[in-house]
Protein backbone atom coordinates (compact mmCIF):
# COMPACT_ATOMS: atom_id res chain seq x y z
CA MET A 1 1.38 4.03 5.83
CA VAL A 2 4.36 6.05 6.85
CA SER A 3 7.23 4.09 5.39
CA TYR A 4 9.10 7.36 4.95
CA LYS A 5 10.17 6.92 8.58
CA GLU A 6 12.72 4.36 7.46
CA LYS A 7 15.03 7.31 6.99
CA ILE A 8 14.72 8.58 10.53
CA PRO A 9 18.08 7.99 12.16
CA SER A 10 18.79 5.65 14.98
CA SER A 11 19.51 7.45 18.21
CA SER A 12 22.10 4.79 18.83
CA SER A 13 24.08 5.57 15.69
CA ARG A 14 27.72 5.11 16.58
CA LYS A 15 29.45 7.38 14.08
CA PRO A 16 28.48 9.77 11.31
CA MET A 17 27.49 7.98 8.14
CA PRO A 18 30.22 7.96 5.49
CA TYR A 19 27.76 7.70 2.62
CA PRO A 20 26.15 10.51 0.63
CA PRO A 21 22.67 11.57 1.74
CA GLY A 22 20.20 8.72 1.37
CA GLU A 23 17.48 6.86 3.14
CA GLU A 24 19.71 6.56 6.18
CA THR A 25 20.65 10.23 6.33
CA PRO A 26 19.68 11.92 9.63
CA LEU A 27 16.99 14.55 9.30
CA ILE A 28 17.78 16.19 12.63
CA GLY A 29 21.28 16.50 13.93
CA GLU A 30 20.50 16.21 17.62
CA PRO A 31 20.09 12.67 19.00
CA LYS A 32 16.57 11.66 19.91
CA PRO A 33 15.52 10.04 23.18
CA LEU A 34 15.12 6.30 23.07
CA SER A 35 11.63 4.86 22.71
CA SER A 36 9.73 3.15 25.48
CA HIS A 37 7.90 -0.14 24.92
CA PRO A 38 4.51 1.52 24.25
CA LYS A 39 6.06 4.01 21.84
CA THR A 40 7.88 1.23 19.99
CA LEU A 41 4.61 -0.68 19.73
CA ALA A 42 2.86 2.43 18.38
CA ASN A 43 5.67 3.08 15.87
CA PHE A 44 5.31 -0.39 14.43
CA PHE A 45 1.54 -0.15 14.27
CA ILE A 46 1.76 3.15 12.39
CA ALA A 47 4.47 1.79 10.06
CA ILE A 48 2.50 -1.32 9.08
CA VAL A 49 -1.15 -0.27 8.96
CA GLY A 50 -2.05 1.64 5.83
CA ALA A 51 -4.41 1.88 2.88
CA GLY A 52 -3.85 -1.80 2.07
CA VAL A 53 -6.34 -2.77 4.77
CA LEU A 54 -9.14 -1.30 2.63
CA GLY A 55 -8.61 -4.09 0.11
CA MET A 56 -8.83 -6.90 2.68
CA PRO A 57 -12.61 -7.51 2.41
CA TYR A 58 -12.32 -7.90 -1.37
CA ALA A 59 -9.39 -10.29 -0.91
CA PHE A 60 -11.54 -12.31 1.51
CA LYS A 61 -14.28 -12.37 -1.12
CA ARG A 62 -11.90 -13.98 -3.62
CA THR A 63 -10.07 -16.33 -1.24
CA GLY A 64 -12.91 -17.20 1.13
CA TRP A 65 -12.99 -15.93 4.69
CA ILE A 66 -11.34 -18.95 6.36
CA MET A 67 -8.58 -19.11 3.76
CA GLY A 68 -8.14 -15.36 4.09
CA LEU A 69 -7.70 -15.60 7.85
CA LEU A 70 -5.23 -18.48 7.52
CA ILE A 71 -3.23 -16.52 4.94
CA LEU A 72 -3.07 -13.52 7.26
CA LEU A 73 -1.84 -15.65 10.16
CA PHE A 74 0.79 -17.35 8.03
CA ILE A 75 2.11 -14.14 6.47
CA ALA A 76 2.16 -12.38 9.86
CA GLY A 77 4.17 -15.18 11.47
CA SER A 78 6.64 -15.64 8.61
CA THR A 79 7.11 -11.89 8.14
CA THR A 80 7.81 -11.45 11.87
CA TYR A 81 10.43 -14.20 11.67
CA CYS A 82 12.13 -12.57 8.67
CA MET A 83 12.11 -9.19 10.42
CA MET A 84 13.95 -10.75 13.34
CA LEU A 85 16.52 -12.20 10.92
CA LEU A 86 17.51 -8.66 9.99
CA VAL A 87 17.85 -7.73 13.67
CA GLN A 88 20.04 -10.78 14.27
CA ILE A 89 22.30 -9.82 11.36
CA ARG A 90 22.70 -6.26 12.60
CA ARG A 91 23.48 -7.44 16.14
CA LYS A 92 26.12 -9.83 14.84
CA LEU A 93 27.74 -7.08 12.76
CA ASP A 94 27.73 -4.85 15.84
CA SER A 95 29.41 -7.53 17.94
CA VAL A 96 32.08 -8.12 15.32
CA ASP A 97 32.82 -4.40 14.93
CA ASN A 98 32.46 -3.54 18.64
CA GLY A 99 29.29 -1.56 18.10
CA ASN A 100 30.62 0.36 15.08
CA ALA A 101 28.83 -1.50 12.28
CA GLU A 102 26.86 1.62 11.31
CA VAL A 103 23.89 -0.42 10.08
CA ASN A 104 20.99 1.97 10.41
CA SER A 105 18.80 0.92 7.48
CA PHE A 106 17.96 -1.98 5.22
CA GLY A 107 20.29 -0.53 2.58
CA ASP A 108 23.15 -0.32 5.10
CA LEU A 109 22.66 -3.97 5.98
CA GLY A 110 22.70 -4.95 2.30
CA PHE A 111 25.94 -3.02 1.86
CA ALA A 112 27.52 -4.60 4.95
CA VAL A 113 26.67 -8.14 3.82
CA CYS A 114 26.88 -7.96 0.01
CA GLY A 115 28.72 -4.74 -0.73
CA THR A 116 27.61 -2.26 -3.36
CA SER A 117 25.43 -4.81 -5.14
CA GLY A 118 23.50 -5.48 -1.94
CA ARG A 119 22.76 -1.80 -1.43
CA LEU A 120 21.75 -1.45 -5.09
CA VAL A 121 19.26 -4.32 -4.92
CA VAL A 122 17.69 -2.97 -1.72
CA ASP A 123 17.51 0.54 -3.19
CA VAL A 124 15.79 -0.72 -6.35
CA LEU A 125 13.25 -2.79 -4.43
CA ILE A 126 12.46 0.01 -1.98
CA THR A 127 12.01 2.36 -4.93
CA LEU A 128 9.61 -0.06 -6.61
CA SER A 129 7.67 -0.73 -3.42
CA GLN A 130 7.28 2.95 -2.51
CA THR A 131 6.21 3.96 -6.01
CA GLY A 132 3.86 0.98 -5.97
CA PHE A 133 2.24 2.27 -2.79
CA CYS A 134 1.77 5.70 -4.37
CA ILE A 135 0.30 4.22 -7.54
CA GLY A 136 -2.16 2.39 -5.31
CA TYR A 137 -3.01 5.66 -3.59
CA LEU A 138 -3.85 7.36 -6.88
CA ILE A 139 -5.99 4.39 -7.93
CA PHE A 140 -7.85 4.58 -4.62
CA ILE A 141 -8.35 8.35 -4.86
CA SER A 142 -9.56 8.31 -8.45
CA ASN A 143 -11.85 5.29 -8.07
CA THR A 144 -13.33 6.67 -4.85
CA LEU A 145 -13.97 10.10 -6.35
CA VAL A 146 -15.60 8.48 -9.38
CA ASN A 147 -17.83 6.54 -6.99
CA LEU A 148 -18.70 9.71 -5.07
CA PHE A 149 -19.23 12.16 -7.90
CA HIS A 150 -19.99 10.30 -11.13
CA ASN A 151 -23.74 10.81 -10.58
CA GLU A 152 -23.37 14.57 -10.29
CA PRO A 153 -24.98 16.57 -13.16
CA SER A 154 -21.71 17.97 -14.41
CA MET A 155 -20.22 14.52 -14.55
CA ASN A 156 -23.31 13.04 -16.15
CA SER A 157 -23.01 15.52 -19.01
CA SER A 158 -19.48 14.33 -19.61
CA LEU A 159 -20.55 10.71 -19.51
CA ASN A 160 -23.36 11.42 -21.97
CA LEU A 161 -20.78 12.75 -24.39
CA GLY A 162 -19.29 9.29 -24.52
CA MET A 163 -16.62 9.47 -21.83
CA SER A 164 -15.98 6.12 -20.19
CA ARG A 165 -15.46 5.39 -16.51
CA PHE A 166 -11.78 4.99 -17.27
CA THR A 167 -11.67 8.49 -18.75
CA THR A 168 -13.56 9.87 -15.77
CA LYS A 169 -11.01 8.26 -13.48
CA SER A 170 -8.19 9.83 -15.50
CA LEU A 171 -9.71 13.30 -14.97
CA PHE A 172 -9.29 12.93 -11.21
CA ILE A 173 -5.73 11.60 -11.55
CA TRP A 174 -4.69 14.51 -13.75
CA GLY A 175 -6.55 16.87 -11.43
CA CYS A 176 -4.27 15.72 -8.59
CA PHE A 177 -1.14 15.97 -10.73
CA PRO A 178 -0.28 19.71 -10.48
CA PHE A 179 -0.93 19.74 -6.72
CA GLN A 180 1.29 16.68 -6.26
CA LEU A 181 4.04 18.42 -8.19
CA GLY A 182 3.86 21.22 -5.62
CA LEU A 183 3.76 18.94 -2.57
CA ASN A 184 6.58 16.75 -3.86
CA SER A 185 8.73 19.83 -4.45
CA ILE A 186 9.06 20.36 -0.69
CA LYS A 187 12.68 19.69 0.20
CA THR A 188 12.49 18.86 3.90
CA LEU A 189 10.74 15.75 5.10
CA THR A 190 10.37 17.31 8.54
CA ASN A 191 7.93 19.85 7.09
CA LEU A 192 5.75 17.00 5.85
CA ALA A 193 5.89 14.90 9.04
CA PRO A 194 2.69 16.33 10.63
CA LEU A 195 0.76 14.97 7.67
CA SER A 196 1.54 11.42 8.79
CA ILE A 197 -0.25 11.98 12.09
CA PHE A 198 -3.30 13.23 10.23
CA ALA A 199 -3.11 10.21 7.90
CA ASP A 200 -3.00 7.71 10.74
CA VAL A 201 -5.88 9.34 12.64
CA VAL A 202 -8.05 9.36 9.52
CA ASP A 203 -7.15 5.74 8.75
CA ILE A 204 -8.11 4.46 12.18
CA GLY A 205 -11.25 6.59 12.33
CA ALA A 206 -12.39 5.48 8.89
CA MET A 207 -11.80 1.82 9.69
CA GLY A 208 -13.83 2.21 12.87
CA VAL A 209 -16.74 3.77 10.98
CA VAL A 210 -16.65 1.07 8.29
CA MET A 211 -16.59 -1.76 10.85
CA VAL A 212 -19.55 -0.27 12.74
CA GLU A 213 -21.47 -0.04 9.46
CA ASP A 214 -20.49 -3.65 8.65
CA LEU A 215 -21.83 -4.86 11.98
CA ARG A 216 -25.10 -2.97 11.45
CA LEU A 217 -25.59 -4.61 8.06
CA ILE A 218 -24.66 -8.08 9.35
CA MET A 219 -27.26 -7.80 12.12
CA LYS A 220 -29.81 -6.56 9.59
CA ARG A 221 -29.36 -9.29 6.97
CA SER A 222 -27.03 -12.20 6.27
CA GLN A 223 -25.04 -12.66 3.06
CA GLU A 224 -23.95 -15.85 1.37
CA VAL A 225 -20.20 -16.21 1.83
CA LYS A 226 -17.64 -18.86 0.94
CA ALA A 227 -14.95 -20.25 3.21
CA PHE A 228 -12.32 -21.34 0.70
CA GLY A 229 -11.25 -20.38 -2.82
CA GLY A 230 -9.01 -22.09 -5.36
CA VAL A 231 -5.25 -22.29 -5.82
CA SER A 232 -5.03 -19.19 -7.98
CA VAL A 233 -6.80 -16.97 -5.45
CA PHE A 234 -4.57 -18.41 -2.71
CA PHE A 235 -1.54 -16.75 -4.27
CA TYR A 236 -3.62 -13.65 -4.95
CA GLY A 237 -4.50 -13.44 -1.24
CA MET A 238 -0.87 -13.94 -0.26
CA GLY A 239 0.09 -10.92 -2.34
CA VAL A 240 -2.55 -8.69 -0.73
CA ALA A 241 -1.48 -9.83 2.74
CA LEU A 242 2.19 -9.17 1.97
CA PHE A 243 1.32 -5.65 0.86
CA GLY A 244 -0.55 -5.11 4.13
CA TYR A 245 2.41 -6.25 6.26
CA GLU A 246 5.14 -4.50 4.32
CA GLY A 247 6.97 -2.70 7.09
CA ILE A 248 10.24 -4.60 7.02
CA ALA A 249 12.25 -1.50 6.06
CA MET A 250 11.20 0.00 9.41
CA VAL A 251 12.59 -2.79 11.57
CA LEU A 252 16.20 -1.67 12.00
CA PRO A 253 15.47 2.03 12.70
CA ILE A 254 12.76 1.19 15.25
CA GLU A 255 14.82 -1.51 16.98
CA SER A 256 17.83 0.80 17.33
CA GLU A 257 15.66 3.50 18.95
CA MET A 258 14.23 1.19 21.61
CA LYS A 259 15.47 1.58 25.18
CA ASP A 260 15.44 -2.11 26.06
CA ASN A 261 15.96 -3.74 22.70
CA ALA A 262 16.42 -7.14 24.33
CA LYS A 263 12.61 -7.26 24.42
CA PHE A 264 12.23 -6.09 20.85
CA GLY A 265 11.10 -9.51 19.66
CA LYS A 266 8.18 -9.56 22.09
CA ILE A 267 7.10 -6.03 21.15
CA LEU A 268 7.31 -6.91 17.46
CA ALA A 269 5.25 -10.07 17.95
CA LEU A 270 2.62 -8.15 19.94
CA SER A 271 2.40 -5.45 17.27
CA MET A 272 2.04 -7.97 14.46
CA GLY A 273 -0.56 -9.88 16.48
CA LEU A 274 -2.69 -6.78 17.05
CA THR A 275 -2.36 -5.81 13.39
CA THR A 276 -3.40 -9.30 12.29
CA LEU A 277 -6.41 -9.20 14.60
CA MET A 278 -7.47 -5.87 13.13
CA TYR A 279 -6.87 -6.95 9.53
CA GLY A 280 -8.77 -10.19 10.05
CA ALA A 281 -11.73 -8.48 11.71
CA PHE A 282 -11.87 -5.74 9.09
CA GLY A 283 -11.65 -8.18 6.17
CA ALA A 284 -14.14 -10.69 7.55
CA LEU A 285 -16.71 -8.12 8.67
CA GLY A 286 -16.57 -6.36 5.31
CA TYR A 287 -17.08 -9.62 3.44
CA PHE A 288 -19.86 -10.81 5.76
CA ALA A 289 -21.66 -7.49 5.35
CA PHE A 290 -21.65 -7.32 1.55
CA GLY A 291 -20.95 -10.88 0.37
CA ALA A 292 -20.52 -11.27 -3.38
CA ALA A 293 -21.14 -7.53 -3.83
CA THR A 294 -17.93 -6.61 -1.94
CA LYS A 295 -15.94 -4.13 -4.03
CA ASP A 296 -12.18 -3.79 -4.38
CA ILE A 297 -12.28 -0.71 -2.12
CA ILE A 298 -14.64 -1.50 0.74
CA THR A 299 -15.61 2.13 1.25
CA SER A 300 -17.25 2.01 -2.20
CA ASN A 301 -19.83 -0.34 -0.67
CA LEU A 302 -21.00 2.25 1.82
CA GLY A 303 -24.44 3.59 1.04
CA PRO A 304 -25.37 7.23 0.47
CA GLY A 305 -25.25 9.67 3.34
CA TRP A 306 -23.01 12.31 4.78
CA ILE A 307 -21.12 9.85 7.04
CA SER A 308 -20.22 7.65 4.08
CA PHE A 309 -19.31 10.71 2.03
CA MET A 310 -17.05 12.14 4.73
CA VAL A 311 -15.29 8.80 5.35
CA GLN A 312 -14.48 8.32 1.68
CA LEU A 313 -13.51 11.94 1.09
CA GLY A 314 -11.39 11.95 4.25
CA LEU A 315 -9.49 8.88 3.09
CA CYS A 316 -8.85 10.52 -0.27
CA ILE A 317 -7.48 13.64 1.41
CA ASN A 318 -5.43 11.44 3.73
CA LEU A 319 -3.76 9.54 0.88
CA PHE A 320 -3.36 12.70 -1.18
CA PHE A 321 -1.13 14.21 1.53
CA THR A 322 0.55 10.88 2.28
CA PHE A 323 1.75 10.59 -1.33
CA PRO A 324 4.82 12.88 -0.89
CA LEU A 325 5.73 11.16 2.38
CA MET A 326 5.78 7.76 0.70
CA MET A 327 7.74 9.07 -2.28
CA ASN A 328 10.44 10.66 -0.13
CA PRO A 329 12.56 7.46 0.18
CA VAL A 330 12.49 7.24 -3.61
CA TYR A 331 13.72 10.82 -3.95
CA GLU A 332 16.52 10.20 -1.47
CA ILE A 333 17.69 7.12 -3.39
CA VAL A 334 17.35 8.62 -6.87
CA GLU A 335 18.99 11.91 -5.88
CA ARG A 336 21.81 10.07 -4.16
CA ARG A 337 22.52 8.06 -7.29
CA PHE A 338 21.81 10.58 -10.06
CA SER A 339 22.24 14.00 -8.46
CA GLY A 340 25.11 13.51 -6.03
CA GLY A 341 22.71 13.56 -3.08
CA ARG A 342 21.53 17.08 -3.99
CA TYR A 343 17.91 18.15 -4.29
CA CYS A 344 16.74 17.81 -7.92
CA LEU A 345 13.33 19.21 -8.81
CA TRP A 346 13.07 17.79 -12.33
CA LEU A 347 13.82 14.25 -11.13
CA ARG A 348 11.02 14.52 -8.56
CA TRP A 349 8.55 15.83 -11.12
CA LEU A 350 9.52 13.08 -13.56
CA LEU A 351 8.82 10.43 -10.91
CA VAL A 352 5.43 11.97 -10.09
CA LEU A 353 4.57 11.90 -13.79
CA PHE A 354 5.61 8.24 -14.04
CA VAL A 355 3.49 7.23 -11.05
CA SER A 356 0.48 9.10 -12.44
CA LEU A 357 0.80 7.46 -15.86
CA VAL A 358 0.98 3.96 -14.40
CA ALA A 359 -2.06 4.63 -12.19
CA LEU A 360 -4.10 5.47 -15.31
CA PHE A 361 -3.82 1.94 -16.64
CA VAL A 362 -4.52 -0.10 -13.49
CA PRO A 363 -8.29 -0.32 -12.91
CA ASN A 364 -8.52 -2.36 -9.69
CA PHE A 365 -7.12 -1.31 -6.31
CA ALA A 366 -6.96 -4.74 -4.60
CA ASP A 367 -5.50 -6.44 -7.68
CA PHE A 368 -2.70 -3.90 -7.75
CA LEU A 369 -2.04 -4.47 -4.03
CA SER A 370 -1.64 -8.16 -4.78
CA LEU A 371 0.73 -7.48 -7.68
CA VAL A 372 3.02 -5.21 -5.66
CA GLY A 373 2.87 -7.53 -2.65
CA SER A 374 3.66 -10.63 -4.69
CA SER A 375 6.52 -9.12 -6.65
CA VAL A 376 8.40 -6.43 -4.75
CA CYS A 377 7.24 -6.90 -1.15
CA CYS A 378 7.90 -10.63 -1.39
CA CYS A 379 11.53 -9.97 -2.33
CA LEU A 380 11.98 -7.47 0.51
CA GLY A 381 10.11 -9.61 3.03
CA PHE A 382 11.46 -13.11 2.35
CA ILE A 383 14.16 -13.45 -0.29
CA LEU A 384 16.59 -10.78 0.91
CA PRO A 385 16.31 -11.52 4.67
CA GLY A 386 16.94 -15.22 3.99
CA LEU A 387 19.87 -14.47 1.68
CA PHE A 388 21.47 -11.90 3.98
CA HIS A 389 21.09 -14.19 7.01
CA LEU A 390 22.62 -17.12 5.13
CA LEU A 391 25.63 -15.04 4.08
CA ALA A 392 26.13 -13.51 7.53
CA PHE A 393 25.83 -16.77 9.51
CA LYS A 394 27.07 -19.36 7.04
CA ASP A 395 30.18 -20.08 9.14
CA GLU A 396 28.29 -20.28 12.45
CA GLN A 397 24.96 -22.01 11.93
CA GLY A 398 24.70 -25.71 11.17
CA TRP A 399 23.20 -27.32 8.12
CA LYS A 400 19.71 -27.04 9.58
CA GLY A 401 20.01 -23.26 9.79
CA CYS A 402 21.32 -23.08 6.23
CA ILE A 403 18.45 -25.24 4.98
CA LEU A 404 15.97 -22.98 6.77
CA ASP A 405 17.45 -19.87 5.14
CA VAL A 406 17.41 -21.53 1.73
CA GLY A 407 13.84 -22.64 2.38
CA ILE A 408 12.78 -19.05 3.14
CA MET A 409 14.41 -17.83 -0.06
CA SER A 410 12.87 -20.64 -2.11
CA PHE A 411 9.44 -19.92 -0.67
CA GLY A 412 9.89 -16.25 -1.53
CA VAL A 413 10.89 -17.05 -5.10
CA VAL A 414 7.94 -19.42 -5.62
CA LEU A 415 5.50 -16.94 -4.07
CA ALA A 416 6.90 -14.03 -6.09
CA LEU A 417 6.67 -15.85 -9.42
CA SER A 418 3.29 -17.50 -8.89
CA GLY A 419 1.72 -14.55 -7.09
CA THR A 420 2.87 -12.09 -9.73
CA TRP A 421 1.49 -14.31 -12.49
CA PHE A 422 -1.91 -14.79 -10.87
CA SER A 423 -2.15 -11.11 -9.94
CA LEU A 424 -1.48 -10.11 -13.54
CA MET A 425 -4.16 -12.55 -14.67
CA GLU A 426 -6.61 -10.94 -12.24
CA ILE A 427 -5.79 -7.46 -13.50
CA LEU A 428 -6.21 -8.48 -17.15
CA SER A 429 -9.32 -10.62 -16.65
CA GLU A 430 -12.93 -9.52 -16.67
CA LYS A 431 -14.34 -8.87 -13.21
CA ASP A 432 -17.49 -10.53 -11.99
């Protein structure tokens, strides 16, 4: 949820960064204390868990609950491995340069391994992924508000005049637009940071309420569920899972802020394991509770009542204020490249307009998660780590290591192409 933290500086930074302001630029000049094991675990949990979890029950509906669980386990394990590849590369660069490698972000690592082209590719992919998250947020907000308010008298009158659900959704998106222009005009990320705490608290609270409601419905009546889906939905599920685990840009900043980073691998594995357990439970319980009626946003399945209303409205408010946090890495990259690293209001407003326009034409939340996960997140999570590791260790690792790196890249390419294709087919097809 709070991928903006990828720009928070490492307290172990060796020298001032020679680059213009960007995603690695320190926000606070004073060095921060190093993180303990529990704090590192919490940082990873906050970085990974986000709105994507709300689409897990629908993904389980399409893939089957057993296939969905297997996909989650596989993606969690392979993503953890690729995260550790980045840590290995940074540690090697540090050892070669006597601790002066100055690799504090994913973009820094790309620059160190592949030069300017490496930084450019990482910047483009991070820009696409962050804008993709924000497009998903607007889809969630608009669809949820339509679900909450489309039966209100004022809205009924509009519908009776011939306005479609799509048009009703667009009213909420454009209603958010002027307020987002104001929020995204805030220069300092530090002033927005408290919003991330609110977002995480609301996320966890909402998931708890939804799971309790799921359990109540499961005990009340059983639904017919399937265990396995077909090949096409397999790649669809992989995309949704990749979106849910997309926290790879956070790895290097968090690892560098850890007191005893020799145990970073264990902390990372524990964090990914807990996240997988939560994702699996949330997805399976939601699917078991509603069966074939499971919607793309699980909160839309909640019945009437003030608890359901508050959960859904709270999540909308949460994502509304998270939007500028998630867009901040994009602003840093775009302003660094097109405005000399200086604050540029019109560029920010143009990006908000672009995100809003794209959100108008994507009807389904979970399908869009799959598309972003399959395309952009797959490149960041598999292809680039495998490529960077191969280039950094090509003279040291044997042929087995090289084959493994090539295998990771090949898997990423296959998953990106097939997953993107099937996700697009889902978006363009009629829903059952």
